[in-house]
Amino acid sequence: MGRTVTVLGAGRLEIQSRAEVPRGPGEALVDVVYGGICGSDLHYWRHGEVGLSVLADPMVLGHEVAGTVREAAADGSSPPAGTPVAVHPAQTCGTCPPCREGRENLCPHLRYLGSAARRPHTDGGFAERLVVPGHRLVPVPAGLDLRVAALAEPASVAAHALTRADVLAGGVRGKQVLVTGAGPIGLLTVALAIVRGAAEVTVTDLHPRPLRTAGRIGATRTVTAGEELPPADVAFESSGAPSAMAAALGVLRPGGTLVQIGQLPGGGVTAPLHVTVQRELVISGSSRFAGGMAGTLATLERHRELFEPIVSAEFPAEQAVEAFAAAYEPASSSKVLLRFGS
């Protein structure tokens, strides 16, 4: 693996050197170029846990990874050497009922790069070189910079939330959309709602900078959290704040749909659920994403101008502590990338 960004416990982040693991015939070796810092990475760093996933051992972080194939899989399952790729971070069983139904994101045996949900933990992709099953490497479209391709995983998470709205609300085309929380996932949701033809997209956040970014990528209206919101047909709650969930429920029109993307507090929340009855509102969770990332990468390539502003900074991997500190400040950053190679 070479140099890695490894969390040892709450507040303890180190650059470590690790030996490369042996490769099987179905595995490829990838030179990592960019890794995006996710909220879960920040939680492991700050608190040593994410929800019920608690660090018991040192773990390499990172699941938003893009790079170049250094050595292809011997069985031909990967793209050839030299191919720019995004790494699909999920490993699933493929045989359980959710997997057979195309909902592999709900697989009870799921493992995700950089996750302490199981022990031994699953090391992530914040490393110079990464051994990956060949079928989990997705070629990056020609002309798409790896800096933007590093958004493929979180953009797929946002795209899955839009797919939930397709299933439950008939999509967002021609509709009034609300996005609460203008962090990276919220901004990606804004961009994808615009791509999918939303009539108007309103975004709310606590801080001016992410709201300005939302405006740059095409949000119709930006509102400081706590101020009055316009009515919405479909709402995407990406902040994980109970007050944002309550605000979204409060402005949904009759028959409206709320898709909850942000992780709500583990102890439960108090929300005005009584309004769901008289207005026949639909509430759905949205967890990670199902399927591959090829479609998301194609969207990133076709609409680069919507996604490029979401990357707010990049740091060399050696400055991981500084990068994590920057990513932890939502008032001044959006998506922060670690750079491992050229």
C-alpha atoms as a PDB file:
ATOM      1  CA  MET A   1       0.000   0.000   0.000  1.00  0.00           C
ATOM      2  CA  GLY A   2       2.942   2.354   0.502  1.00  0.00           C
ATOM      3  CA  ARG A   3       1.982   5.543   2.341  1.00  0.00           C
ATOM      4  CA  THR A   4      -1.453   5.440   3.936  1.00  0.00           C
ATOM      5  CA  VAL A   5      -3.640   7.831   5.892  1.00  0.00           C
ATOM      6  CA  THR A   6      -4.516   5.753   8.950  1.00  0.00           C
ATOM      7  CA  VAL A   7      -6.733   6.565  11.923  1.00  0.00           C
ATOM      8  CA  LEU A   8      -5.566   5.084  15.233  1.00  0.00           C
ATOM      9  CA  GLY A   9      -8.392   6.388  17.390  1.00  0.00           C
ATOM     10  CA  ALA A  10     -10.256   9.582  18.191  1.00  0.00           C
ATOM     11  CA  GLY A  11      -8.040  12.540  17.288  1.00  0.00           C
ATOM     12  CA  ARG A  12      -5.177  10.324  16.088  1.00  0.00           C
ATOM     13  CA  LEU A  13      -4.384  10.433  12.372  1.00  0.00           C
ATOM     14  CA  GLU A  14      -1.031   9.287  10.978  1.00  0.00           C
ATOM     15  CA  ILE A  15       0.795   8.820   7.698  1.00  0.00           C
ATOM     16  CA  GLN A  16       1.972   5.222   7.855  1.00  0.00           C
ATOM     17  CA  SER A  17       3.807   2.900   5.501  1.00  0.00           C
ATOM     18  CA  ARG A  18       2.211  -0.491   4.915  1.00  0.00           C
ATOM     19  CA  ALA A  19       3.398  -3.399   2.845  1.00  0.00           C
ATOM     20  CA  GLU A  20       1.375  -4.337  -0.216  1.00  0.00           C
ATOM     21  CA  VAL A  21      -0.856  -7.361   0.206  1.00  0.00           C
ATOM     22  CA  PRO A  22      -0.585 -10.309  -2.211  1.00  0.00           C
ATOM     23  CA  ARG A  23      -2.957 -10.167  -5.180  1.00  0.00           C
ATOM     24  CA  GLY A  24      -5.239 -12.889  -6.414  1.00  0.00           C
ATOM     25  CA  PRO A  25      -5.915 -13.453 -10.140  1.00  0.00           C
ATOM     26  CA  GLY A  26      -9.097 -11.349  -9.962  1.00  0.00           C
ATOM     27  CA  GLU A  27      -7.433  -8.350  -8.346  1.00  0.00           C
ATOM     28  CA  ALA A  28      -5.774  -5.302  -9.872  1.00  0.00           C
ATOM     29  CA  LEU A  29      -3.263  -2.824  -8.480  1.00  0.00           C
ATOM     30  CA  VAL A  30      -4.258   0.835  -8.665  1.00  0.00           C
ATOM     31  CA  ASP A  31      -2.099   3.938  -8.251  1.00  0.00           C
ATOM     32  CA  VAL A  32      -4.377   6.204  -6.228  1.00  0.00           C
ATOM     33  CA  VAL A  33      -4.340   9.812  -7.417  1.00  0.00           C
ATOM     34  CA  TYR A  34      -7.194  11.439  -5.463  1.00  0.00           C
ATOM     35  CA  GLY A  35      -9.222  10.545  -2.406  1.00  0.00           C
ATOM     36  CA  GLY A  36     -12.182  12.602  -1.196  1.00  0.00           C
ATOM     37  CA  ILE A  37     -12.643  13.177   2.527  1.00  0.00           C
ATOM     38  CA  CYS A  38     -16.150  12.102   3.568  1.00  0.00           C
ATOM     39  CA  GLY A  39     -18.144  12.892   6.686  1.00  0.00           C
ATOM     40  CA  SER A  40     -17.600   9.321   7.905  1.00  0.00           C
ATOM     41  CA  ASP A  41     -13.816   9.786   7.648  1.00  0.00           C
ATOM     42  CA  LEU A  42     -14.160  12.927   9.763  1.00  0.00           C
ATOM     43  CA  HIS A  43     -16.240  11.080  12.378  1.00  0.00           C
ATOM     44  CA  TYR A  44     -13.643   8.300  12.694  1.00  0.00           C
ATOM     45  CA  TRP A  45     -10.942  10.953  13.087  1.00  0.00           C
ATOM     46  CA  ARG A  46     -12.797  13.154  15.576  1.00  0.00           C
ATOM     47  CA  HIS A  47     -14.753  10.575  17.561  1.00  0.00           C
ATOM     48  CA  GLY A  48     -13.343   7.125  16.762  1.00  0.00           C
ATOM     49  CA  GLU A  49     -16.743   5.963  15.566  1.00  0.00           C
ATOM     50  CA  VAL A  50     -19.538   6.472  13.071  1.00  0.00           C
ATOM     51  CA  GLY A  51     -22.891   5.517  14.549  1.00  0.00           C
ATOM     52  CA  LEU A  52     -22.528   1.891  15.671  1.00  0.00           C
ATOM     53  CA  SER A  53     -19.225   1.423  13.803  1.00  0.00           C
ATOM     54  CA  VAL A  54     -16.529   1.832  16.463  1.00  0.00           C
ATOM     55  CA  LEU A  55     -12.788   1.688  15.849  1.00  0.00           C
ATOM     56  CA  ALA A  56     -11.170  -1.254  17.584  1.00  0.00           C
ATOM     57  CA  ASP A  57      -7.933  -1.280  15.570  1.00  0.00           C
ATOM     58  CA  PRO A  58      -5.976   1.129  13.335  1.00  0.00           C
ATOM     59  CA  MET A  59      -7.669   1.503   9.955  1.00  0.00           C
ATOM     60  CA  VAL A  60      -6.817   3.100   6.621  1.00  0.00           C
ATOM     61  CA  LEU A  61      -9.527   5.640   5.835  1.00  0.00           C
ATOM     62  CA  GLY A  62     -11.163   6.630   2.554  1.00  0.00           C
ATOM     63  CA  HIS A  63     -13.784   5.302   0.156  1.00  0.00           C
ATOM     64  CA  GLU A  64     -13.958   8.076  -2.473  1.00  0.00           C
ATOM     65  CA  VAL A  65     -11.043   7.073  -4.673  1.00  0.00           C
ATOM     66  CA  ALA A  66      -9.863   7.669  -8.224  1.00  0.00           C
ATOM     67  CA  GLY A  67      -6.573   6.654  -9.810  1.00  0.00           C
ATOM     68  CA  THR A  68      -4.889   4.704 -12.598  1.00  0.00           C
ATOM     69  CA  VAL A  69      -4.574   0.954 -13.077  1.00  0.00           C
ATOM     70  CA  ARG A  70      -0.936   0.058 -12.455  1.00  0.00           C
ATOM     71  CA  GLU A  71      -1.276  -3.701 -12.977  1.00  0.00           C
ATOM     72  CA  ALA A  72      -4.390  -5.275 -14.446  1.00  0.00           C
ATOM     73  CA  ALA A  73      -6.066  -8.342 -12.939  1.00  0.00           C
ATOM     74  CA  ALA A  74      -4.578 -11.545 -14.326  1.00  0.00           C
ATOM     75  CA  ASP A  75      -8.018 -12.989 -15.097  1.00  0.00           C
ATOM     76  CA  GLY A  76      -8.970 -10.057 -17.335  1.00  0.00           C
ATOM     77  CA  SER A  77     -11.708  -8.774 -15.009  1.00  0.00           C
ATOM     78  CA  SER A  78     -10.229  -5.276 -14.713  1.00  0.00           C
ATOM     79  CA  PRO A  79      -9.565  -2.491 -17.209  1.00  0.00           C
ATOM     80  CA  PRO A  80      -6.045  -2.663 -18.711  1.00  0.00           C
ATOM     81  CA  ALA A  81      -2.981  -1.040 -17.162  1.00  0.00           C
ATOM     82  CA  GLY A  82      -2.901   2.717 -17.641  1.00  0.00           C
ATOM     83  CA  THR A  83      -6.695   3.146 -17.518  1.00  0.00           C
ATOM     84  CA  PRO A  84      -7.984   5.995 -15.318  1.00  0.00           C
ATOM     85  CA  VAL A  85     -10.587   4.514 -12.964  1.00  0.00           C
ATOM     86  CA  ALA A  86     -12.900   5.241 -10.082  1.00  0.00           C
ATOM     87  CA  VAL A  87     -13.043   2.584  -7.364  1.00  0.00           C
ATOM     88  CA  HIS A  88     -16.400   1.124  -6.345  1.00  0.00           C
ATOM     89  CA  PRO A  89     -16.060   0.867  -2.547  1.00  0.00           C
ATOM     90  CA  ALA A  90     -18.658  -1.833  -1.793  1.00  0.00           C
ATOM     91  CA  GLN A  91     -18.217  -5.568  -1.488  1.00  0.00           C
ATOM     92  CA  THR A  92     -21.480  -7.524  -1.279  1.00  0.00           C
ATOM     93  CA  CYS A  93     -22.457 -11.198  -1.147  1.00  0.00           C
ATOM     94  CA  GLY A  94     -24.511 -11.213  -4.372  1.00  0.00           C
ATOM     95  CA  THR A  95     -26.805 -13.990  -3.103  1.00  0.00           C
ATOM     96  CA  CYS A  96     -29.009 -12.512  -0.352  1.00  0.00           C
ATOM     97  CA  PRO A  97     -32.555 -11.275  -1.168  1.00  0.00           C
ATOM     98  CA  PRO A  98     -31.547  -7.555  -1.374  1.00  0.00           C
ATOM     99  CA  CYS A  99     -28.658  -8.387  -3.728  1.00  0.00           C
ATOM    100  CA  ARG A 100     -30.902 -10.510  -5.924  1.00  0.00           C
ATOM    101  CA  GLU A 101     -33.427  -7.665  -6.043  1.00  0.00           C
ATOM    102  CA  GLY A 102     -30.818  -5.138  -7.191  1.00  0.00           C
ATOM    103  CA  ARG A 103     -30.645  -3.461  -3.782  1.00  0.00           C
ATOM    104  CA  GLU A 104     -27.160  -4.576  -2.871  1.00  0.00           C
ATOM    105  CA  ASN A 105     -26.671  -1.432  -0.774  1.00  0.00           C
ATOM    106  CA  LEU A 106     -28.904  -3.207   1.784  1.00  0.00           C
ATOM    107  CA  CYS A 107     -26.838  -6.426   1.761  1.00  0.00           C
ATOM    108  CA  PRO A 108     -26.421  -7.639   5.366  1.00  0.00           C
ATOM    109  CA  HIS A 109     -22.903  -8.800   4.511  1.00  0.00           C
ATOM    110  CA  LEU A 110     -21.831  -5.520   2.893  1.00  0.00           C
ATOM    111  CA  ARG A 111     -18.285  -4.309   3.451  1.00  0.00           C
ATOM    112  CA  TYR A 112     -17.242  -0.785   2.502  1.00  0.00           C
ATOM    113  CA  LEU A 113     -13.766   0.618   2.064  1.00  0.00           C
ATOM    114  CA  GLY A 114     -12.653   2.465   5.185  1.00  0.00           C
ATOM    115  CA  SER A 115     -15.347   1.042   7.476  1.00  0.00           C
ATOM    116  CA  ALA A 116     -15.152  -0.221  11.065  1.00  0.00           C
ATOM    117  CA  ALA A 117     -18.601  -1.810  10.872  1.00  0.00           C
ATOM    118  CA  ARG A 118     -17.018  -5.259  11.024  1.00  0.00           C
ATOM    119  CA  ARG A 119     -13.887  -6.732  12.564  1.00  0.00           C
ATOM    120  CA  PRO A 120     -11.375  -7.049  11.125  1.00  0.00           C
ATOM    121  CA  HIS A 121     -12.065  -3.579   9.795  1.00  0.00           C
ATOM    122  CA  THR A 122     -12.071  -2.951   6.055  1.00  0.00           C
ATOM    123  CA  ASP A 123      -9.100  -0.758   5.189  1.00  0.00           C
ATOM    124  CA  GLY A 124      -9.887   2.102   2.853  1.00  0.00           C
ATOM    125  CA  GLY A 125      -8.350   3.704  -0.201  1.00  0.00           C
ATOM    126  CA  PHE A 126      -6.267   6.548   1.257  1.00  0.00           C
ATOM    127  CA  ALA A 127      -3.080   4.849   0.113  1.00  0.00           C
ATOM    128  CA  GLU A 128      -0.506   5.223  -2.636  1.00  0.00           C
ATOM    129  CA  ARG A 129      -1.421   1.846  -4.110  1.00  0.00           C
ATOM    130  CA  LEU A 130      -4.579  -0.140  -3.668  1.00  0.00           C
ATOM    131  CA  VAL A 131      -5.387  -3.778  -4.416  1.00  0.00           C
ATOM    132  CA  VAL A 132      -8.969  -3.988  -5.697  1.00  0.00           C
ATOM    133  CA  PRO A 133     -11.120  -6.713  -7.277  1.00  0.00           C
ATOM    134  CA  GLY A 134     -11.030  -6.021 -10.996  1.00  0.00           C
ATOM    135  CA  HIS A 135     -14.802  -5.802 -11.386  1.00  0.00           C
ATOM    136  CA  ARG A 136     -14.924  -2.898  -8.909  1.00  0.00           C
ATOM    137  CA  LEU A 137     -12.873  -0.609 -11.159  1.00  0.00           C
ATOM    138  CA  VAL A 138     -14.931   1.717 -13.350  1.00  0.00           C
ATOM    139  CA  PRO A 139     -13.201   3.419 -16.314  1.00  0.00           C
ATOM    140  CA  VAL A 140     -13.300   7.214 -16.228  1.00  0.00           C
ATOM    141  CA  PRO A 141     -14.685   8.775 -19.439  1.00  0.00           C
ATOM    142  CA  ALA A 142     -12.108  10.356 -21.719  1.00  0.00           C
ATOM    143  CA  GLY A 143     -11.647  14.020 -20.934  1.00  0.00           C
ATOM    144  CA  LEU A 144     -12.897  13.828 -17.330  1.00  0.00           C
ATOM    145  CA  ASP A 145     -10.238  15.002 -14.897  1.00  0.00           C
ATOM    146  CA  LEU A 146      -9.535  12.573 -12.054  1.00  0.00           C
ATOM    147  CA  ARG A 147     -10.057  15.499  -9.686  1.00  0.00           C
ATOM    148  CA  VAL A 148     -13.732  15.517 -10.679  1.00  0.00           C
ATOM    149  CA  ALA A 149     -13.889  11.732 -11.092  1.00  0.00           C
ATOM    150  CA  ALA A 150     -13.071  11.483  -7.367  1.00  0.00           C
ATOM    151  CA  LEU A 151     -16.658  12.677  -6.823  1.00  0.00           C
ATOM    152  CA  ALA A 152     -18.049   9.494  -8.395  1.00  0.00           C
ATOM    153  CA  GLU A 153     -18.854   7.756  -5.103  1.00  0.00           C
ATOM    154  CA  PRO A 154     -20.590  10.651  -3.289  1.00  0.00           C
ATOM    155  CA  ALA A 155     -22.306  11.658  -6.537  1.00  0.00           C
ATOM    156  CA  SER A 156     -23.617   8.091  -6.774  1.00  0.00           C
ATOM    157  CA  VAL A 157     -24.968   8.455  -3.225  1.00  0.00           C
ATOM    158  CA  ALA A 158     -26.792  11.614  -4.313  1.00  0.00           C
ATOM    159  CA  ALA A 159     -27.978   9.924  -7.518  1.00  0.00           C
ATOM    160  CA  HIS A 160     -29.431   7.077  -5.441  1.00  0.00           C
ATOM    161  CA  ALA A 161     -31.466   9.630  -3.475  1.00  0.00           C
ATOM    162  CA  LEU A 162     -32.798  10.998  -6.782  1.00  0.00           C
ATOM    163  CA  THR A 163     -33.653   7.425  -7.779  1.00  0.00           C
ATOM    164  CA  ARG A 164     -35.630   7.023  -4.556  1.00  0.00           C
ATOM    165  CA  ALA A 165     -37.572  10.129  -5.626  1.00  0.00           C
ATOM    166  CA  ASP A 166     -38.104   8.542  -9.064  1.00  0.00           C
ATOM    167  CA  VAL A 167     -39.670   5.490  -7.445  1.00  0.00           C
ATOM    168  CA  LEU A 168     -41.763   7.278  -4.821  1.00  0.00           C
ATOM    169  CA  ALA A 169     -42.571  10.667  -6.357  1.00  0.00           C
ATOM    170  CA  GLY A 170     -42.289  10.182 -10.097  1.00  0.00           C
ATOM    171  CA  GLY A 171     -38.987  12.032 -10.163  1.00  0.00           C
ATOM    172  CA  VAL A 172     -38.171  15.738  -9.882  1.00  0.00           C
ATOM    173  CA  ARG A 173     -38.715  16.925 -13.461  1.00  0.00           C
ATOM    174  CA  GLY A 174     -40.828  20.058 -13.507  1.00  0.00           C
ATOM    175  CA  LYS A 175     -41.149  20.072  -9.703  1.00  0.00           C
ATOM    176  CA  GLN A 176     -40.231  22.378  -6.826  1.00  0.00           C
ATOM    177  CA  VAL A 177     -37.281  20.780  -5.027  1.00  0.00           C
ATOM    178  CA  LEU A 178     -35.858  21.587  -1.602  1.00  0.00           C
ATOM    179  CA  VAL A 179     -32.375  20.509  -0.477  1.00  0.00           C
ATOM    180  CA  THR A 180     -31.567  21.043   3.202  1.00  0.00           C
ATOM    181  CA  GLY A 181     -27.854  21.170   3.892  1.00  0.00           C
ATOM    182  CA  ALA A 182     -25.320  22.422   1.337  1.00  0.00           C
ATOM    183  CA  GLY A 183     -22.462  20.120   2.262  1.00  0.00           C
ATOM    184  CA  PRO A 184     -20.910  17.975  -0.479  1.00  0.00           C
ATOM    185  CA  ILE A 185     -23.840  15.532  -0.685  1.00  0.00           C
ATOM    186  CA  GLY A 186     -26.355  18.361  -0.660  1.00  0.00           C
ATOM    187  CA  LEU A 187     -24.500  20.220  -3.412  1.00  0.00           C
ATOM    188  CA  LEU A 188     -24.248  17.058  -5.502  1.00  0.00           C
ATOM    189  CA  THR A 189     -27.994  16.549  -5.018  1.00  0.00           C
ATOM    190  CA  VAL A 190     -28.589  20.109  -6.221  1.00  0.00           C
ATOM    191  CA  ALA A 191     -26.504  19.510  -9.350  1.00  0.00           C
ATOM    192  CA  LEU A 192     -28.262  16.232 -10.146  1.00  0.00           C
ATOM    193  CA  ALA A 193     -31.728  17.692  -9.552  1.00  0.00           C
ATOM    194  CA  ILE A 194     -30.869  20.390 -12.091  1.00  0.00           C
ATOM    195  CA  VAL A 195     -29.616  17.754 -14.545  1.00  0.00           C
ATOM    196  CA  ARG A 196     -32.873  15.840 -14.093  1.00  0.00           C
ATOM    197  CA  GLY A 197     -35.038  18.829 -14.927  1.00  0.00           C
ATOM    198  CA  ALA A 198     -36.272  20.227 -11.616  1.00  0.00           C
ATOM    199  CA  ALA A 199     -38.264  23.419 -12.204  1.00  0.00           C
ATOM    200  CA  GLU A 200     -36.772  25.146  -9.151  1.00  0.00           C
ATOM    201  CA  VAL A 201     -34.224  24.086  -6.543  1.00  0.00           C
ATOM    202  CA  THR A 202     -34.152  25.810  -3.157  1.00  0.00           C
ATOM    203  CA  VAL A 203     -31.176  25.176  -0.872  1.00  0.00           C
ATOM    204  CA  THR A 204     -30.865  25.957   2.811  1.00  0.00           C
ATOM    205  CA  ASP A 205     -27.760  25.948   5.014  1.00  0.00           C
ATOM    206  CA  LEU A 206     -26.337  27.656   8.086  1.00  0.00           C
ATOM    207  CA  HIS A 207     -23.349  29.197   6.293  1.00  0.00           C
ATOM    208  CA  PRO A 208     -23.015  31.740   3.459  1.00  0.00           C
ATOM    209  CA  ARG A 209     -20.147  30.064   1.583  1.00  0.00           C
ATOM    210  CA  PRO A 210     -21.870  26.738   0.749  1.00  0.00           C
ATOM    211  CA  LEU A 211     -24.981  28.687  -0.211  1.00  0.00           C
ATOM    212  CA  ARG A 212     -22.900  30.746  -2.643  1.00  0.00           C
ATOM    213  CA  THR A 213     -21.543  27.500  -4.108  1.00  0.00           C
ATOM    214  CA  ALA A 214     -25.109  26.225  -4.485  1.00  0.00           C
ATOM    215  CA  GLY A 215     -25.932  29.394  -6.392  1.00  0.00           C
ATOM    216  CA  ARG A 216     -22.903  28.929  -8.637  1.00  0.00           C
ATOM    217  CA  ILE A 217     -24.073  25.485  -9.698  1.00  0.00           C
ATOM    218  CA  GLY A 218     -27.593  26.658 -10.488  1.00  0.00           C
ATOM    219  CA  ALA A 219     -29.763  26.648  -7.366  1.00  0.00           C
ATOM    220  CA  THR A 220     -32.796  28.858  -7.970  1.00  0.00           C
ATOM    221  CA  ARG A 221     -32.953  30.156  -4.399  1.00  0.00           C
ATOM    222  CA  THR A 222     -30.680  29.975  -1.336  1.00  0.00           C
ATOM    223  CA  VAL A 223     -32.030  30.441   2.172  1.00  0.00           C
ATOM    224  CA  THR A 224     -30.239  30.686   5.499  1.00  0.00           C
ATOM    225  CA  ALA A 225     -31.411  27.901   7.822  1.00  0.00           C
ATOM    226  CA  GLY A 226     -34.193  29.087  10.089  1.00  0.00           C
ATOM    227  CA  GLU A 227     -35.667  31.523   7.580  1.00  0.00           C
ATOM    228  CA  GLU A 228     -38.929  30.929   5.753  1.00  0.00           C
ATOM    229  CA  LEU A 229     -38.857  28.308   3.010  1.00  0.00           C
ATOM    230  CA  PRO A 230     -41.074  28.089  -0.085  1.00  0.00           C
ATOM    231  CA  PRO A 231     -43.414  25.116  -0.637  1.00  0.00           C
ATOM    232  CA  ALA A 232     -41.807  22.021  -2.157  1.00  0.00           C
ATOM    233  CA  ASP A 233     -42.944  18.905  -3.971  1.00  0.00           C
ATOM    234  CA  VAL A 234     -39.847  16.858  -3.172  1.00  0.00           C
ATOM    235  CA  ALA A 235     -37.336  17.487  -0.375  1.00  0.00           C
ATOM    236  CA  PHE A 236     -33.880  15.978   0.103  1.00  0.00           C
ATOM    237  CA  GLU A 237     -32.595  16.286   3.656  1.00  0.00           C
ATOM    238  CA  SER A 238     -28.804  15.957   3.575  1.00  0.00           C
ATOM    239  CA  SER A 239     -27.673  17.649   6.796  1.00  0.00           C
ATOM    240  CA  GLY A 240     -28.769  15.037   9.326  1.00  0.00           C
ATOM    241  CA  ALA A 241     -30.137  17.831  11.558  1.00  0.00           C
ATOM    242  CA  PRO A 242     -33.532  17.077  13.145  1.00  0.00           C
ATOM    243  CA  SER A 243     -34.500  20.743  12.750  1.00  0.00           C
ATOM    244  CA  ALA A 244     -33.849  20.497   8.987  1.00  0.00           C
ATOM    245  CA  MET A 245     -35.994  17.383   8.727  1.00  0.00           C
ATOM    246  CA  ALA A 246     -38.800  19.177  10.572  1.00  0.00           C
ATOM    247  CA  ALA A 247     -38.460  22.223   8.309  1.00  0.00           C
ATOM    248  CA  ALA A 248     -38.642  20.059   5.194  1.00  0.00           C
ATOM    249  CA  LEU A 249     -41.764  18.253   6.411  1.00  0.00           C
ATOM    250  CA  GLY A 250     -43.320  21.608   7.206  1.00  0.00           C
ATOM    251  CA  VAL A 251     -43.142  22.926   3.637  1.00  0.00           C
ATOM    252  CA  LEU A 252     -43.976  19.800   1.637  1.00  0.00           C
ATOM    253  CA  ARG A 253     -47.144  20.119  -0.406  1.00  0.00           C
ATOM    254  CA  PRO A 254     -49.892  17.475  -0.117  1.00  0.00           C
ATOM    255  CA  GLY A 255     -48.627  14.262  -1.674  1.00  0.00           C
ATOM    256  CA  GLY A 256     -45.028  15.423  -1.298  1.00  0.00           C
ATOM    257  CA  THR A 257     -41.989  13.234  -0.645  1.00  0.00           C
ATOM    258  CA  LEU A 258     -39.060  13.592   1.754  1.00  0.00           C
ATOM    259  CA  VAL A 259     -35.893  11.620   1.015  1.00  0.00           C
ATOM    260  CA  GLN A 260     -33.637  11.488   4.081  1.00  0.00           C
ATOM    261  CA  ILE A 261     -29.960  11.225   3.063  1.00  0.00           C
ATOM    262  CA  GLY A 262     -28.176  12.697   6.094  1.00  0.00           C
ATOM    263  CA  GLN A 263     -27.467  10.483   9.091  1.00  0.00           C
ATOM    264  CA  LEU A 264     -29.868  11.450  11.876  1.00  0.00           C
ATOM    265  CA  PRO A 265     -28.808  11.143  15.541  1.00  0.00           C
ATOM    266  CA  GLY A 266     -28.667   7.550  16.738  1.00  0.00           C
ATOM    267  CA  GLY A 267     -30.872   8.275  19.743  1.00  0.00           C
ATOM    268  CA  GLY A 268     -33.813   9.168  17.543  1.00  0.00           C
ATOM    269  CA  VAL A 269     -35.419  12.485  16.651  1.00  0.00           C
ATOM    270  CA  THR A 270     -38.586  14.408  17.356  1.00  0.00           C
ATOM    271  CA  ALA A 271     -40.327  15.477  14.146  1.00  0.00           C
ATOM    272  CA  PRO A 272     -43.831  16.750  13.205  1.00  0.00           C
ATOM    273  CA  LEU A 273     -44.903  13.433  11.732  1.00  0.00           C
ATOM    274  CA  HIS A 274     -48.592  14.281  12.302  1.00  0.00           C
ATOM    275  CA  VAL A 275     -48.484  16.296   9.065  1.00  0.00           C
ATOM    276  CA  THR A 276     -47.795  13.126   7.081  1.00  0.00           C
ATOM    277  CA  VAL A 277     -51.346  11.905   7.618  1.00  0.00           C
ATOM    278  CA  GLN A 278     -53.494  14.800   6.434  1.00  0.00           C
ATOM    279  CA  ARG A 279     -51.099  15.604   3.575  1.00  0.00           C
ATOM    280  CA  GLU A 280     -50.303  11.964   2.681  1.00  0.00           C
ATOM    281  CA  LEU A 281     -46.583  12.641   2.714  1.00  0.00           C
ATOM    282  CA  VAL A 282     -44.039   9.956   1.873  1.00  0.00           C
ATOM    283  CA  ILE A 283     -40.787   9.647   3.855  1.00  0.00           C
ATOM    284  CA  SER A 284     -37.930   7.444   2.649  1.00  0.00           C
ATOM    285  CA  GLY A 285     -34.399   6.820   3.744  1.00  0.00           C
ATOM    286  CA  SER A 286     -31.554   6.646   1.214  1.00  0.00           C
ATOM    287  CA  SER A 287     -28.507   4.553   2.079  1.00  0.00           C
ATOM    288  CA  ARG A 288     -25.309   4.673   0.000  1.00  0.00           C
ATOM    289  CA  PHE A 289     -26.183   3.501  -3.527  1.00  0.00           C
ATOM    290  CA  ALA A 290     -27.114   0.437  -5.546  1.00  0.00           C
ATOM    291  CA  GLY A 291     -25.564  -0.608  -8.832  1.00  0.00           C
ATOM    292  CA  GLY A 292     -22.423   0.697 -10.483  1.00  0.00           C
ATOM    293  CA  MET A 293     -20.893   4.130 -11.018  1.00  0.00           C
ATOM    294  CA  ALA A 294     -20.563   4.246 -14.815  1.00  0.00           C
ATOM    295  CA  GLY A 295     -23.744   6.282 -15.220  1.00  0.00           C
ATOM    296  CA  THR A 296     -22.653   8.760 -12.568  1.00  0.00           C
ATOM    297  CA  LEU A 297     -19.241   9.190 -14.210  1.00  0.00           C
ATOM    298  CA  ALA A 298     -20.936   9.848 -17.546  1.00  0.00           C
ATOM    299  CA  THR A 299     -23.068  12.541 -15.893  1.00  0.00           C
ATOM    300  CA  LEU A 300     -19.984  14.113 -14.305  1.00  0.00           C
ATOM    301  CA  GLU A 301     -18.334  14.226 -17.728  1.00  0.00           C
ATOM    302  CA  ARG A 302     -21.356  15.734 -19.513  1.00  0.00           C
ATOM    303  CA  HIS A 303     -21.998  18.388 -16.851  1.00  0.00           C
ATOM    304  CA  ARG A 304     -18.549  19.138 -15.476  1.00  0.00           C
ATOM    305  CA  GLU A 305     -19.400  22.804 -14.960  1.00  0.00           C
ATOM    306  CA  LEU A 306     -21.964  21.821 -12.310  1.00  0.00           C
ATOM    307  CA  PHE A 307     -19.602  19.598 -10.351  1.00  0.00           C
ATOM    308  CA  GLU A 308     -16.184  21.255 -10.529  1.00  0.00           C
ATOM    309  CA  PRO A 309     -17.114  24.037  -8.030  1.00  0.00           C
ATOM    310  CA  ILE A 310     -17.976  21.422  -5.386  1.00  0.00           C
ATOM    311  CA  VAL A 311     -14.272  20.589  -4.952  1.00  0.00           C
ATOM    312  CA  SER A 312     -13.093  23.388  -2.677  1.00  0.00           C
ATOM    313  CA  ALA A 313      -9.498  22.341  -1.947  1.00  0.00           C
ATOM    314  CA  GLU A 314      -6.879  19.654  -2.382  1.00  0.00           C
ATOM    315  CA  PHE A 315      -3.933  18.798  -0.159  1.00  0.00           C
ATOM    316  CA  PRO A 316      -0.974  16.464  -0.656  1.00  0.00           C
ATOM    317  CA  ALA A 317      -1.444  13.272   1.349  1.00  0.00           C
ATOM    318  CA  GLU A 318       1.421  14.285   3.638  1.00  0.00           C
ATOM    319  CA  GLN A 319      -0.783  17.141   4.860  1.00  0.00           C
ATOM    320  CA  ALA A 320      -3.682  14.870   5.774  1.00  0.00           C
ATOM    321  CA  VAL A 321      -4.157  16.401   9.232  1.00  0.00           C
ATOM    322  CA  GLU A 322      -4.460  19.886   7.713  1.00  0.00           C
ATOM    323  CA  ALA A 323      -6.808  18.533   5.039  1.00  0.00           C
ATOM    324  CA  PHE A 324      -9.076  16.887   7.612  1.00  0.00           C
ATOM    325  CA  ALA A 325      -9.132  20.073   9.689  1.00  0.00           C
ATOM    326  CA  ALA A 326     -10.184  22.032   6.588  1.00  0.00           C
ATOM    327  CA  ALA A 327     -12.880  19.495   5.684  1.00  0.00           C
ATOM    328  CA  TYR A 328     -14.244  19.662   9.230  1.00  0.00           C
ATOM    329  CA  GLU A 329     -15.172  23.336   8.776  1.00  0.00           C
ATOM    330  CA  PRO A 330     -18.387  23.429   6.704  1.00  0.00           C
ATOM    331  CA  ALA A 331     -18.432  27.220   6.775  1.00  0.00           C
ATOM    332  CA  SER A 332     -15.275  27.379   4.664  1.00  0.00           C
ATOM    333  CA  SER A 333     -15.080  24.153   2.637  1.00  0.00           C
ATOM    334  CA  SER A 334     -17.072  21.762   0.497  1.00  0.00           C
ATOM    335  CA  LYS A 335     -15.346  18.631  -0.840  1.00  0.00           C
ATOM    336  CA  VAL A 336     -11.686  18.422   0.193  1.00  0.00           C
ATOM    337  CA  LEU A 337      -9.412  16.030  -1.705  1.00  0.00           C
ATOM    338  CA  LEU A 338      -6.164  14.299  -0.746  1.00  0.00           C
ATOM    339  CA  ARG A 339      -3.664  14.031  -3.609  1.00  0.00           C
ATOM    340  CA  PHE A 340      -1.549  10.880  -3.663  1.00  0.00           C
ATOM    341  CA  GLY A 341      -0.029  11.082  -7.131  1.00  0.00           C
ATOM    342  CA  SER A 342       0.251  13.125 -10.288  1.00  0.00           C
END
